[in-house]
PDB file of N, CA and C in Angstrom:
ATOM      1  N   MET A   1     -31.284  11.606 -45.285  1.00  0.00           N
ATOM      2  CA  MET A   1     -30.248  10.719 -45.163  1.00  0.00           C
ATOM      3  C   MET A   1     -29.715  10.818 -43.589  1.00  0.00           C
ATOM      4  N   TRP A   2     -29.417   9.581 -43.122  1.00  0.00           N
ATOM      5  CA  TRP A   2     -29.012   9.437 -41.665  1.00  0.00           C
ATOM      6  C   TRP A   2     -27.759   8.792 -41.580  1.00  0.00           C
ATOM      7  N   CYS A   3     -26.982   9.059 -40.444  1.00  0.00           N
ATOM      8  CA  CYS A   3     -25.580   8.275 -40.197  1.00  0.00           C
ATOM      9  C   CYS A   3     -25.652   8.150 -38.757  1.00  0.00           C
ATOM     10  N   VAL A   4     -24.617   7.256 -38.409  1.00  0.00           N
ATOM     11  CA  VAL A   4     -24.397   6.914 -36.964  1.00  0.00           C
ATOM     12  C   VAL A   4     -23.045   7.627 -36.594  1.00  0.00           C
ATOM     13  N   ILE A   5     -23.073   8.314 -35.518  1.00  0.00           N
ATOM     14  CA  ILE A   5     -21.874   8.914 -35.053  1.00  0.00           C
ATOM     15  C   ILE A   5     -21.591   8.352 -33.608  1.00  0.00           C
ATOM     16  N   TRP A   6     -20.238   8.443 -33.257  1.00  0.00           N
ATOM     17  CA  TRP A   6     -20.000   7.957 -31.868  1.00  0.00           C
ATOM     18  C   TRP A   6     -18.872   8.930 -31.235  1.00  0.00           C
ATOM     19  N   LYS A   7     -18.934   8.905 -29.987  1.00  0.00           N
ATOM     20  CA  LYS A   7     -18.039   9.780 -29.145  1.00  0.00           C
ATOM     21  C   LYS A   7     -16.644   8.950 -29.006  1.00  0.00           C
ATOM     22  N   LYS A   8     -15.620   9.713 -29.444  1.00  0.00           N
ATOM     23  CA  LYS A   8     -14.179   9.169 -29.272  1.00  0.00           C
ATOM     24  C   LYS A   8     -13.375  10.425 -28.920  1.00  0.00           C
ATOM     25  N   ASP A   9     -12.759  10.376 -27.695  1.00  0.00           N
ATOM     26  CA  ASP A   9     -11.922  11.518 -27.279  1.00  0.00           C
ATOM     27  C   ASP A   9     -12.650  12.828 -27.243  1.00  0.00           C
ATOM     28  N   ASN A  10     -13.866  12.728 -26.690  1.00  0.00           N
ATOM     29  CA  ASN A  10     -14.765  14.040 -26.631  1.00  0.00           C
ATOM     30  C   ASN A  10     -15.155  14.597 -27.883  1.00  0.00           C
ATOM     31  N   ILE A  11     -15.028  13.900 -28.882  1.00  0.00           N
ATOM     32  CA  ILE A  11     -15.556  14.389 -30.224  1.00  0.00           C
ATOM     33  C   ILE A  11     -16.406  13.416 -30.888  1.00  0.00           C
ATOM     34  N   TYR A  12     -17.473  13.808 -31.360  1.00  0.00           N
ATOM     35  CA  TYR A  12     -18.408  12.946 -32.073  1.00  0.00           C
ATOM     36  C   TYR A  12     -17.963  12.933 -33.602  1.00  0.00           C
ATOM     37  N   GLN A  13     -17.762  11.653 -34.076  1.00  0.00           N
ATOM     38  CA  GLN A  13     -17.361  11.299 -35.529  1.00  0.00           C
ATOM     39  C   GLN A  13     -18.276  10.387 -36.087  1.00  0.00           C
ATOM     40  N   ILE A  14     -18.155  10.343 -37.414  1.00  0.00           N
ATOM     41  CA  ILE A  14     -18.954   9.186 -38.183  1.00  0.00           C
ATOM     42  C   ILE A  14     -18.444   7.857 -37.763  1.00  0.00           C
ATOM     43  N   PHE A  15     -19.240   6.938 -37.413  1.00  0.00           N
ATOM     44  CA  PHE A  15     -18.737   5.614 -37.066  1.00  0.00           C
ATOM     45  C   PHE A  15     -18.443   4.692 -38.325  1.00  0.00           C
ATOM     46  N   THR A  16     -19.290   4.838 -39.232  1.00  0.00           N
ATOM     47  CA  THR A  16     -19.146   4.023 -40.445  1.00  0.00           C
ATOM     48  C   THR A  16     -19.525   4.905 -41.640  1.00  0.00           C
ATOM     49  N   ASN A  17     -18.957   4.451 -42.825  1.00  0.00           N
ATOM     50  CA  ASN A  17     -19.139   5.136 -44.083  1.00  0.00           C
ATOM     51  C   ASN A  17     -20.549   4.812 -44.768  1.00  0.00           C
ATOM     52  N   ILE A  18     -21.376   4.070 -43.989  1.00  0.00           N
ATOM     53  CA  ILE A  18     -22.752   3.844 -44.577  1.00  0.00           C
ATOM     54  C   ILE A  18     -23.705   4.911 -44.209  1.00  0.00           C
ATOM     55  N   ILE A  19     -24.349   5.422 -45.295  1.00  0.00           N
ATOM     56  CA  ILE A  19     -25.346   6.391 -45.171  1.00  0.00           C
ATOM     57  C   ILE A  19     -26.705   5.686 -45.238  1.00  0.00           C
ATOM     58  N   PHE A  20     -27.729   5.996 -44.395  1.00  0.00           N
ATOM     59  CA  PHE A  20     -28.959   5.224 -44.403  1.00  0.00           C
ATOM     60  C   PHE A  20     -30.055   6.046 -44.890  1.00  0.00           C
ATOM     61  N   GLU A  21     -31.096   5.485 -45.508  1.00  0.00           N
ATOM     62  CA  GLU A  21     -32.146   6.126 -46.065  1.00  0.00           C
ATOM     63  C   GLU A  21     -33.215   6.801 -44.980  1.00  0.00           C
ATOM     64  N   THR A  22     -33.352   5.882 -43.956  1.00  0.00           N
ATOM     65  CA  THR A  22     -34.283   6.364 -42.922  1.00  0.00           C
ATOM     66  C   THR A  22     -33.718   6.174 -41.583  1.00  0.00           C
ATOM     67  N   GLU A  23     -34.274   6.892 -40.584  1.00  0.00           N
ATOM     68  CA  GLU A  23     -33.756   6.894 -39.255  1.00  0.00           C
ATOM     69  C   GLU A  23     -33.876   5.492 -38.639  1.00  0.00           C
ATOM     70  N   LYS A  24     -34.933   4.897 -39.040  1.00  0.00           N
ATOM     71  CA  LYS A  24     -35.311   3.464 -38.610  1.00  0.00           C
ATOM     72  C   LYS A  24     -34.124   2.608 -38.875  1.00  0.00           C
ATOM     73  N   LYS A  25     -33.610   2.608 -40.168  1.00  0.00           N
ATOM     74  CA  LYS A  25     -32.477   1.774 -40.577  1.00  0.00           C
ATOM     75  C   LYS A  25     -31.304   2.030 -39.905  1.00  0.00           C
ATOM     76  N   ALA A  26     -31.003   3.244 -39.642  1.00  0.00           N
ATOM     77  CA  ALA A  26     -29.761   3.747 -38.804  1.00  0.00           C
ATOM     78  C   ALA A  26     -29.895   3.173 -37.411  1.00  0.00           C
ATOM     79  N   LEU A  27     -31.041   3.351 -36.764  1.00  0.00           N
ATOM     80  CA  LEU A  27     -31.185   2.820 -35.479  1.00  0.00           C
ATOM     81  C   LEU A  27     -31.012   1.317 -35.397  1.00  0.00           C
ATOM     82  N   GLU A  28     -31.498   0.579 -36.365  1.00  0.00           N
ATOM     83  CA  GLU A  28     -31.324  -0.981 -36.489  1.00  0.00           C
ATOM     84  C   GLU A  28     -29.859  -1.180 -36.534  1.00  0.00           C
ATOM     85  N   PHE A  29     -29.113  -0.583 -37.468  1.00  0.00           N
ATOM     86  CA  PHE A  29     -27.723  -0.740 -37.546  1.00  0.00           C
ATOM     87  C   PHE A  29     -27.081  -0.507 -36.215  1.00  0.00           C
ATOM     88  N   LYS A  30     -27.306   0.514 -35.654  1.00  0.00           N
ATOM     89  CA  LYS A  30     -26.585   0.962 -34.333  1.00  0.00           C
ATOM     90  C   LYS A  30     -26.969  -0.079 -33.234  1.00  0.00           C
ATOM     91  N   ASP A  31     -28.065  -0.562 -33.219  1.00  0.00           N
ATOM     92  CA  ASP A  31     -28.530  -1.590 -32.078  1.00  0.00           C
ATOM     93  C   ASP A  31     -27.838  -2.945 -32.433  1.00  0.00           C
ATOM     94  N   LYS A  32     -27.457  -3.250 -33.618  1.00  0.00           N
ATOM     95  CA  LYS A  32     -26.820  -4.582 -34.008  1.00  0.00           C
ATOM     96  C   LYS A  32     -25.370  -4.621 -33.701  1.00  0.00           C
ATOM     97  N   GLN A  33     -24.784  -3.434 -33.553  1.00  0.00           N
ATOM     98  CA  GLN A  33     -23.329  -3.373 -33.318  1.00  0.00           C
ATOM     99  C   GLN A  33     -23.011  -3.656 -31.817  1.00  0.00           C
ATOM    100  N   LYS A  34     -22.390  -4.806 -31.440  1.00  0.00           N
ATOM    101  CA  LYS A  34     -22.131  -5.156 -30.106  1.00  0.00           C
ATOM    102  C   LYS A  34     -21.174  -4.112 -29.499  1.00  0.00           C
ATOM    103  N   SER A  35     -20.242  -3.616 -30.166  1.00  0.00           N
ATOM    104  CA  SER A  35     -19.432  -2.521 -29.563  1.00  0.00           C
ATOM    105  C   SER A  35     -20.016  -1.244 -29.148  1.00  0.00           C
ATOM    106  N   MET A  36     -21.244  -0.989 -29.698  1.00  0.00           N
ATOM    107  CA  MET A  36     -21.970   0.139 -29.407  1.00  0.00           C
ATOM    108  C   MET A  36     -22.980   0.155 -28.366  1.00  0.00           C
ATOM    109  N   ARG A  37     -23.333  -1.008 -27.929  1.00  0.00           N
ATOM    110  CA  ARG A  37     -24.456  -1.281 -27.118  1.00  0.00           C
ATOM    111  C   ARG A  37     -24.237  -0.504 -25.779  1.00  0.00           C
ATOM    112  N   LYS A  38     -23.174  -0.583 -25.041  1.00  0.00           N
ATOM    113  CA  LYS A  38     -23.032   0.051 -23.741  1.00  0.00           C
ATOM    114  C   LYS A  38     -21.711   0.827 -23.674  1.00  0.00           C
ATOM    115  N   LYS A  39     -20.758   0.533 -24.412  1.00  0.00           N
ATOM    116  CA  LYS A  39     -19.365   1.090 -24.328  1.00  0.00           C
ATOM    117  C   LYS A  39     -19.204   2.387 -24.811  1.00  0.00           C
ATOM    118  N   HIS A  40     -19.899   2.775 -25.824  1.00  0.00           N
ATOM    119  CA  HIS A  40     -19.763   4.090 -26.476  1.00  0.00           C
ATOM    120  C   HIS A  40     -20.992   4.904 -26.448  1.00  0.00           C
ATOM    121  N   ASP A  41     -20.937   6.273 -26.559  1.00  0.00           N
ATOM    122  CA  ASP A  41     -21.974   7.092 -26.679  1.00  0.00           C
ATOM    123  C   ASP A  41     -22.166   7.313 -28.088  1.00  0.00           C
ATOM    124  N   CYS A  42     -23.258   6.726 -28.671  1.00  0.00           N
ATOM    125  CA  CYS A  42     -23.366   6.804 -30.074  1.00  0.00           C
ATOM    126  C   CYS A  42     -24.863   7.277 -30.401  1.00  0.00           C
ATOM    127  N   ARG A  43     -25.010   7.974 -31.517  1.00  0.00           N
ATOM    128  CA  ARG A  43     -26.292   8.523 -31.738  1.00  0.00           C
ATOM    129  C   ARG A  43     -26.536   8.458 -33.296  1.00  0.00           C
ATOM    130  N   VAL A  44     -27.853   8.505 -33.705  1.00  0.00           N
ATOM    131  CA  VAL A  44     -28.176   8.527 -35.073  1.00  0.00           C
ATOM    132  C   VAL A  44     -28.632   9.908 -35.217  1.00  0.00           C
ATOM    133  N   VAL A  45     -28.034  10.597 -36.340  1.00  0.00           N
ATOM    134  CA  VAL A  45     -28.351  11.896 -36.731  1.00  0.00           C
ATOM    135  C   VAL A  45     -28.469  11.993 -38.135  1.00  0.00           C
ATOM    136  N   GLU A  46     -29.189  13.210 -38.613  1.00  0.00           N
ATOM    137  CA  GLU A  46     -29.196  13.518 -40.048  1.00  0.00           C
ATOM    138  C   GLU A  46     -27.727  13.745 -40.531  1.00  0.00           C
ATOM    139  N   PHE A  47     -27.492  13.087 -41.722  1.00  0.00           N
ATOM    140  CA  PHE A  47     -26.171  13.172 -42.338  1.00  0.00           C
ATOM    141  C   PHE A  47     -25.731  14.734 -42.569  1.00  0.00           C
ATOM    142  N   ASP A  48     -24.520  14.964 -42.276  1.00  0.00           N
ATOM    143  CA  ASP A  48     -23.839  16.335 -42.540  1.00  0.00           C
ATOM    144  C   ASP A  48     -22.317  15.982 -42.566  1.00  0.00           C
ATOM    145  N   TYR A  49     -21.752  16.733 -43.518  1.00  0.00           N
ATOM    146  CA  TYR A  49     -20.312  16.498 -43.738  1.00  0.00           C
ATOM    147  C   TYR A  49     -19.461  16.828 -42.556  1.00  0.00           C
ATOM    148  N   LYS A  50     -19.977  17.823 -41.598  1.00  0.00           N
ATOM    149  CA  LYS A  50     -19.271  18.147 -40.533  1.00  0.00           C
ATOM    150  C   LYS A  50     -18.737  17.016 -39.580  1.00  0.00           C
ATOM    151  N   TYR A  51     -19.542  15.826 -39.653  1.00  0.00           N
ATOM    152  CA  TYR A  51     -19.252  14.737 -38.738  1.00  0.00           C
ATOM    153  C   TYR A  51     -17.962  13.972 -39.109  1.00  0.00           C
ATOM    154  N   PHE A  52     -17.492  14.226 -40.394  1.00  0.00           N
ATOM    155  CA  PHE A  52     -16.362  13.402 -40.815  1.00  0.00           C
ATOM    156  C   PHE A  52     -15.055  14.048 -39.991  1.00  0.00           C
ATOM    157  N   ASP A  53     -15.047  15.307 -39.817  1.00  0.00           N
ATOM    158  CA  ASP A  53     -14.069  15.946 -38.999  1.00  0.00           C
ATOM    159  C   ASP A  53     -14.149  15.837 -37.531  1.00  0.00           C
ATOM    160  N   GLY A  54     -15.398  15.715 -37.115  1.00  0.00           N
ATOM    161  CA  GLY A  54     -15.791  15.604 -35.733  1.00  0.00           C
ATOM    162  C   GLY A  54     -16.281  16.936 -35.167  1.00  0.00           C
ATOM    163  N   VAL A  55     -17.212  16.791 -34.180  1.00  0.00           N
ATOM    164  CA  VAL A  55     -17.842  17.984 -33.674  1.00  0.00           C
ATOM    165  C   VAL A  55     -17.935  17.680 -32.190  1.00  0.00           C
ATOM    166  N   ASN A  56     -18.153  18.855 -31.498  1.00  0.00           N
ATOM    167  CA  ASN A  56     -18.343  18.810 -30.018  1.00  0.00           C
ATOM    168  C   ASN A  56     -19.979  18.413 -29.812  1.00  0.00           C
ATOM    169  N   GLU A  57     -20.200  18.167 -28.611  1.00  0.00           N
ATOM    170  CA  GLU A  57     -21.609  17.863 -28.359  1.00  0.00           C
ATOM    171  C   GLU A  57     -22.534  18.843 -28.574  1.00  0.00           C
ATOM    172  N   ASN A  58     -22.138  20.177 -28.305  1.00  0.00           N
ATOM    173  CA  ASN A  58     -22.995  21.355 -28.518  1.00  0.00           C
ATOM    174  C   ASN A  58     -23.371  21.705 -30.001  1.00  0.00           C
ATOM    175  N   GLU A  59     -22.606  21.103 -30.844  1.00  0.00           N
ATOM    176  CA  GLU A  59     -22.628  21.321 -32.396  1.00  0.00           C
ATOM    177  C   GLU A  59     -23.566  20.292 -33.025  1.00  0.00           C
ATOM    178  N   ILE A  60     -24.030  19.288 -32.323  1.00  0.00           N
ATOM    179  CA  ILE A  60     -24.961  18.293 -32.985  1.00  0.00           C
ATOM    180  C   ILE A  60     -26.345  18.899 -32.918  1.00  0.00           C
ATOM    181  N   ASP A  61     -26.959  18.902 -34.096  1.00  0.00           N
ATOM    182  CA  ASP A  61     -28.269  19.303 -34.308  1.00  0.00           C
ATOM    183  C   ASP A  61     -29.340  18.536 -33.750  1.00  0.00           C
TER     184      ASP A  61
END
């Protein structure tokens, strides 16, 4: 399972409550979001509950 996270106030948090089956689908979703193209540092990562509370960059697997 994969999710999209974004950096807000130096913390990476889940961008949306949608969980994706594959990394490819998550990347397609991320690339379609206009607000994420250049403005925000966003990443596709394997789903983990820790992203709901937010993590620092060094905590991302």
